[in-house]
Amino acid sequence: MAKKKQNKPVNETTTEKKPVERKPTKKEKKAAAEQRSRELKAKRQKFYAVALVFAVLAVVISFASSSTYGQAIYSWIQIGCYGLMGLCGVVVLYASRYEETEKKQRSRNTMGMVFIMVALGIILAEIVKMVTGK
């Protein structure tokens, strides 16, 4: 006698047809890319506007405090101004992630790091000058 082949029960979930997803057309791809580009540009503009406000504020405060030159408060005001410039660098560094090309992203990243490093260097120099009394 021949052995009967046992058929496996049909799984109903696998036999159901899934709806076919169509690929987006060239127009849809282009429209999506343009929409993404507009969104990134809006975010970049907001961050760069904030960075500009910090930078202008730091410069205005620095020039406005020139009448206090030679006093102890002047050093603290300068430290605050360079702190604002460092904050400007942090904002530019953060905004660089919204750049569209890798080259622009690296450029903005470098610019933000330069702002931060210069600000930290001058802040440390001011603190050393205050501590040593020179």
C-alpha atoms as a PDB file:
ATOM      1  CA  MET A   1       0.000   0.000   0.000  1.00  0.00           C
ATOM      2  CA  ALA A   2       1.148   3.443  -0.825  1.00  0.00           C
ATOM      3  CA  LYS A   3       1.262   6.033   1.857  1.00  0.00           C
ATOM      4  CA  LYS A   4      -1.099   8.921   1.369  1.00  0.00           C
ATOM      5  CA  LYS A   5       0.556  12.327   1.207  1.00  0.00           C
ATOM      6  CA  GLN A   6      -0.759  14.611   3.891  1.00  0.00           C
ATOM      7  CA  ASN A   7      -1.673  18.054   2.689  1.00  0.00           C
ATOM      8  CA  LYS A   8      -0.935  20.932   5.014  1.00  0.00           C
ATOM      9  CA  PRO A   9      -3.918  23.074   5.902  1.00  0.00           C
ATOM     10  CA  VAL A  10      -4.032  26.258   3.900  1.00  0.00           C
ATOM     11  CA  ASN A  11      -3.329  29.328   6.002  1.00  0.00           C
ATOM     12  CA  GLU A  12      -6.039  31.835   5.195  1.00  0.00           C
ATOM     13  CA  THR A  13      -3.987  34.888   6.143  1.00  0.00           C
ATOM     14  CA  THR A  14      -1.294  34.213   3.564  1.00  0.00           C
ATOM     15  CA  THR A  15      -3.713  33.609   0.732  1.00  0.00           C
ATOM     16  CA  GLU A  16      -5.377  36.995   1.145  1.00  0.00           C
ATOM     17  CA  LYS A  17      -4.172  39.385  -1.460  1.00  0.00           C
ATOM     18  CA  LYS A  18      -2.528  42.510  -0.214  1.00  0.00           C
ATOM     19  CA  PRO A  19      -3.396  45.725  -1.960  1.00  0.00           C
ATOM     20  CA  VAL A  20      -0.785  46.615  -4.504  1.00  0.00           C
ATOM     21  CA  GLU A  21       1.085  49.782  -3.637  1.00  0.00           C
ATOM     22  CA  ARG A  22       2.009  51.817  -6.627  1.00  0.00           C
ATOM     23  CA  LYS A  23       5.270  53.659  -6.937  1.00  0.00           C
ATOM     24  CA  PRO A  24       5.092  57.434  -6.962  1.00  0.00           C
ATOM     25  CA  THR A  25       5.356  59.100 -10.317  1.00  0.00           C
ATOM     26  CA  LYS A  26       8.138  61.483 -11.278  1.00  0.00           C
ATOM     27  CA  LYS A  27       5.871  64.466 -10.665  1.00  0.00           C
ATOM     28  CA  GLU A  28       4.973  63.212  -7.199  1.00  0.00           C
ATOM     29  CA  LYS A  29       8.623  62.589  -6.363  1.00  0.00           C
ATOM     30  CA  LYS A  30       9.563  66.054  -7.562  1.00  0.00           C
ATOM     31  CA  ALA A  31       6.717  67.653  -5.593  1.00  0.00           C
ATOM     32  CA  ALA A  32       7.743  65.783  -2.441  1.00  0.00           C
ATOM     33  CA  ALA A  33      11.367  66.857  -2.889  1.00  0.00           C
ATOM     34  CA  GLU A  34      10.326  70.487  -3.361  1.00  0.00           C
ATOM     35  CA  GLN A  35       8.109  70.329  -0.280  1.00  0.00           C
ATOM     36  CA  ARG A  36      10.982  68.918   1.774  1.00  0.00           C
ATOM     37  CA  SER A  37      13.286  71.604   0.415  1.00  0.00           C
ATOM     38  CA  ARG A  38      10.833  74.344   1.438  1.00  0.00           C
ATOM     39  CA  GLU A  39      10.477  72.868   4.930  1.00  0.00           C
ATOM     40  CA  LEU A  40      14.254  72.672   5.388  1.00  0.00           C
ATOM     41  CA  LYS A  41      14.659  76.240   4.134  1.00  0.00           C
ATOM     42  CA  ALA A  42      12.063  77.498   6.616  1.00  0.00           C
ATOM     43  CA  LYS A  43      13.804  75.747   9.512  1.00  0.00           C
ATOM     44  CA  ARG A  44      17.200  77.048   8.416  1.00  0.00           C
ATOM     45  CA  GLN A  45      15.917  80.604   8.161  1.00  0.00           C
ATOM     46  CA  LYS A  46      14.475  80.463  11.673  1.00  0.00           C
ATOM     47  CA  PHE A  47      17.717  79.198  13.191  1.00  0.00           C
ATOM     48  CA  TYR A  48      19.910  81.625  11.260  1.00  0.00           C
ATOM     49  CA  ALA A  49      17.645  84.511  12.275  1.00  0.00           C
ATOM     50  CA  VAL A  50      18.071  83.527  15.935  1.00  0.00           C
ATOM     51  CA  ALA A  51      21.850  83.278  15.460  1.00  0.00           C
ATOM     52  CA  LEU A  52      21.904  86.720  13.843  1.00  0.00           C
ATOM     53  CA  VAL A  53      19.936  88.194  16.748  1.00  0.00           C
ATOM     54  CA  PHE A  54      22.447  86.737  19.249  1.00  0.00           C
ATOM     55  CA  ALA A  55      25.404  88.069  17.265  1.00  0.00           C
ATOM     56  CA  VAL A  56      23.955  91.564  16.844  1.00  0.00           C
ATOM     57  CA  LEU A  57      22.965  91.680  20.502  1.00  0.00           C
ATOM     58  CA  ALA A  58      26.494  90.728  21.554  1.00  0.00           C
ATOM     59  CA  VAL A  59      28.054  93.424  19.355  1.00  0.00           C
ATOM     60  CA  VAL A  60      25.623  96.124  20.504  1.00  0.00           C
ATOM     61  CA  ILE A  61      26.182  95.304  24.183  1.00  0.00           C
ATOM     62  CA  SER A  62      29.938  95.259  23.669  1.00  0.00           C
ATOM     63  CA  PHE A  63      29.972  98.711  22.056  1.00  0.00           C
ATOM     64  CA  ALA A  64      27.472 100.110  24.541  1.00  0.00           C
ATOM     65  CA  SER A  65      29.625  99.013  27.469  1.00  0.00           C
ATOM     66  CA  SER A  66      32.729 100.857  26.257  1.00  0.00           C
ATOM     67  CA  SER A  67      32.065 103.617  28.795  1.00  0.00           C
ATOM     68  CA  THR A  68      32.771 101.127  31.595  1.00  0.00           C
ATOM     69  CA  TYR A  69      36.240 100.276  30.231  1.00  0.00           C
ATOM     70  CA  GLY A  70      38.767  99.759  33.013  1.00  0.00           C
ATOM     71  CA  GLN A  71      36.183  98.829  35.616  1.00  0.00           C
ATOM     72  CA  ALA A  72      35.597  95.318  36.951  1.00  0.00           C
ATOM     73  CA  ILE A  73      32.135  95.144  35.408  1.00  0.00           C
ATOM     74  CA  TYR A  74      33.587  95.637  31.923  1.00  0.00           C
ATOM     75  CA  SER A  75      35.278  92.220  32.002  1.00  0.00           C
ATOM     76  CA  TRP A  76      32.047  90.552  33.023  1.00  0.00           C
ATOM     77  CA  ILE A  77      30.149  92.327  30.258  1.00  0.00           C
ATOM     78  CA  GLN A  78      32.742  91.175  27.727  1.00  0.00           C
ATOM     79  CA  ILE A  79      32.468  87.600  29.020  1.00  0.00           C
ATOM     80  CA  GLY A  80      28.697  87.826  28.570  1.00  0.00           C
ATOM     81  CA  CYS A  81      29.091  89.165  25.022  1.00  0.00           C
ATOM     82  CA  TYR A  82      31.442  86.375  24.043  1.00  0.00           C
ATOM     83  CA  GLY A  83      29.067  83.928  25.685  1.00  0.00           C
ATOM     84  CA  LEU A  84      26.368  85.233  23.354  1.00  0.00           C
ATOM     85  CA  MET A  85      28.711  84.773  20.395  1.00  0.00           C
ATOM     86  CA  GLY A  86      29.352  81.195  21.522  1.00  0.00           C
ATOM     87  CA  LEU A  87      25.603  80.677  21.755  1.00  0.00           C
ATOM     88  CA  CYS A  88      25.342  82.021  18.213  1.00  0.00           C
ATOM     89  CA  GLY A  89      27.864  79.349  17.179  1.00  0.00           C
ATOM     90  CA  VAL A  90      25.814  76.655  18.885  1.00  0.00           C
ATOM     91  CA  VAL A  91      22.705  77.754  16.973  1.00  0.00           C
ATOM     92  CA  VAL A  92      24.600  77.758  13.664  1.00  0.00           C
ATOM     93  CA  LEU A  93      26.007  74.330  14.492  1.00  0.00           C
ATOM     94  CA  TYR A  94      22.502  73.031  15.203  1.00  0.00           C
ATOM     95  CA  ALA A  95      21.082  74.653  12.056  1.00  0.00           C
ATOM     96  CA  SER A  96      23.719  72.974   9.891  1.00  0.00           C
ATOM     97  CA  ARG A  97      21.819  69.707  10.096  1.00  0.00           C
ATOM     98  CA  TYR A  98      19.061  71.239   7.976  1.00  0.00           C
ATOM     99  CA  GLU A  99      21.340  72.085   5.049  1.00  0.00           C
ATOM    100  CA  GLU A 100      20.539  70.254   1.849  1.00  0.00           C
ATOM    101  CA  THR A 101      24.016  69.402   0.606  1.00  0.00           C
ATOM    102  CA  GLU A 102      26.827  67.723   2.477  1.00  0.00           C
ATOM    103  CA  LYS A 103      29.263  70.470   1.490  1.00  0.00           C
ATOM    104  CA  LYS A 104      27.075  73.246   2.935  1.00  0.00           C
ATOM    105  CA  GLN A 105      26.457  71.161   6.016  1.00  0.00           C
ATOM    106  CA  ARG A 106      30.190  70.772   6.676  1.00  0.00           C
ATOM    107  CA  SER A 107      30.789  74.460   5.994  1.00  0.00           C
ATOM    108  CA  ARG A 108      28.128  75.618   8.455  1.00  0.00           C
ATOM    109  CA  ASN A 109      29.267  73.031  10.973  1.00  0.00           C
ATOM    110  CA  THR A 110      32.813  74.392  10.759  1.00  0.00           C
ATOM    111  CA  MET A 111      31.603  77.983  11.058  1.00  0.00           C
ATOM    112  CA  GLY A 112      29.630  77.123  14.194  1.00  0.00           C
ATOM    113  CA  MET A 113      32.637  75.374  15.729  1.00  0.00           C
ATOM    114  CA  VAL A 114      34.847  78.388  14.979  1.00  0.00           C
ATOM    115  CA  PHE A 115      32.388  80.705  16.750  1.00  0.00           C
ATOM    116  CA  ILE A 116      32.293  78.398  19.768  1.00  0.00           C
ATOM    117  CA  MET A 117      36.068  77.936  19.994  1.00  0.00           C
ATOM    118  CA  VAL A 118      36.863  81.634  19.615  1.00  0.00           C
ATOM    119  CA  ALA A 119      34.251  82.551  22.211  1.00  0.00           C
ATOM    120  CA  LEU A 120      35.542  79.955  24.674  1.00  0.00           C
ATOM    121  CA  GLY A 121      39.146  81.055  24.123  1.00  0.00           C
ATOM    122  CA  ILE A 122      38.393  84.714  24.741  1.00  0.00           C
ATOM    123  CA  ILE A 123      36.204  83.913  27.747  1.00  0.00           C
ATOM    124  CA  LEU A 124      39.035  81.899  29.274  1.00  0.00           C
ATOM    125  CA  ALA A 125      41.506  84.698  28.499  1.00  0.00           C
ATOM    126  CA  GLU A 126      39.238  87.242  30.197  1.00  0.00           C
ATOM    127  CA  ILE A 127      38.859  85.031  33.253  1.00  0.00           C
ATOM    128  CA  VAL A 128      42.632  84.533  33.488  1.00  0.00           C
ATOM    129  CA  LYS A 129      43.148  88.287  33.127  1.00  0.00           C
ATOM    130  CA  MET A 130      40.618  88.919  35.909  1.00  0.00           C
ATOM    131  CA  VAL A 131      42.161  86.343  38.236  1.00  0.00           C
ATOM    132  CA  THR A 132      45.770  87.442  37.732  1.00  0.00           C
ATOM    133  CA  GLY A 133      44.844  91.122  37.868  1.00  0.00           C
ATOM    134  CA  LYS A 134      46.651  92.152  34.693  1.00  0.00           C
END
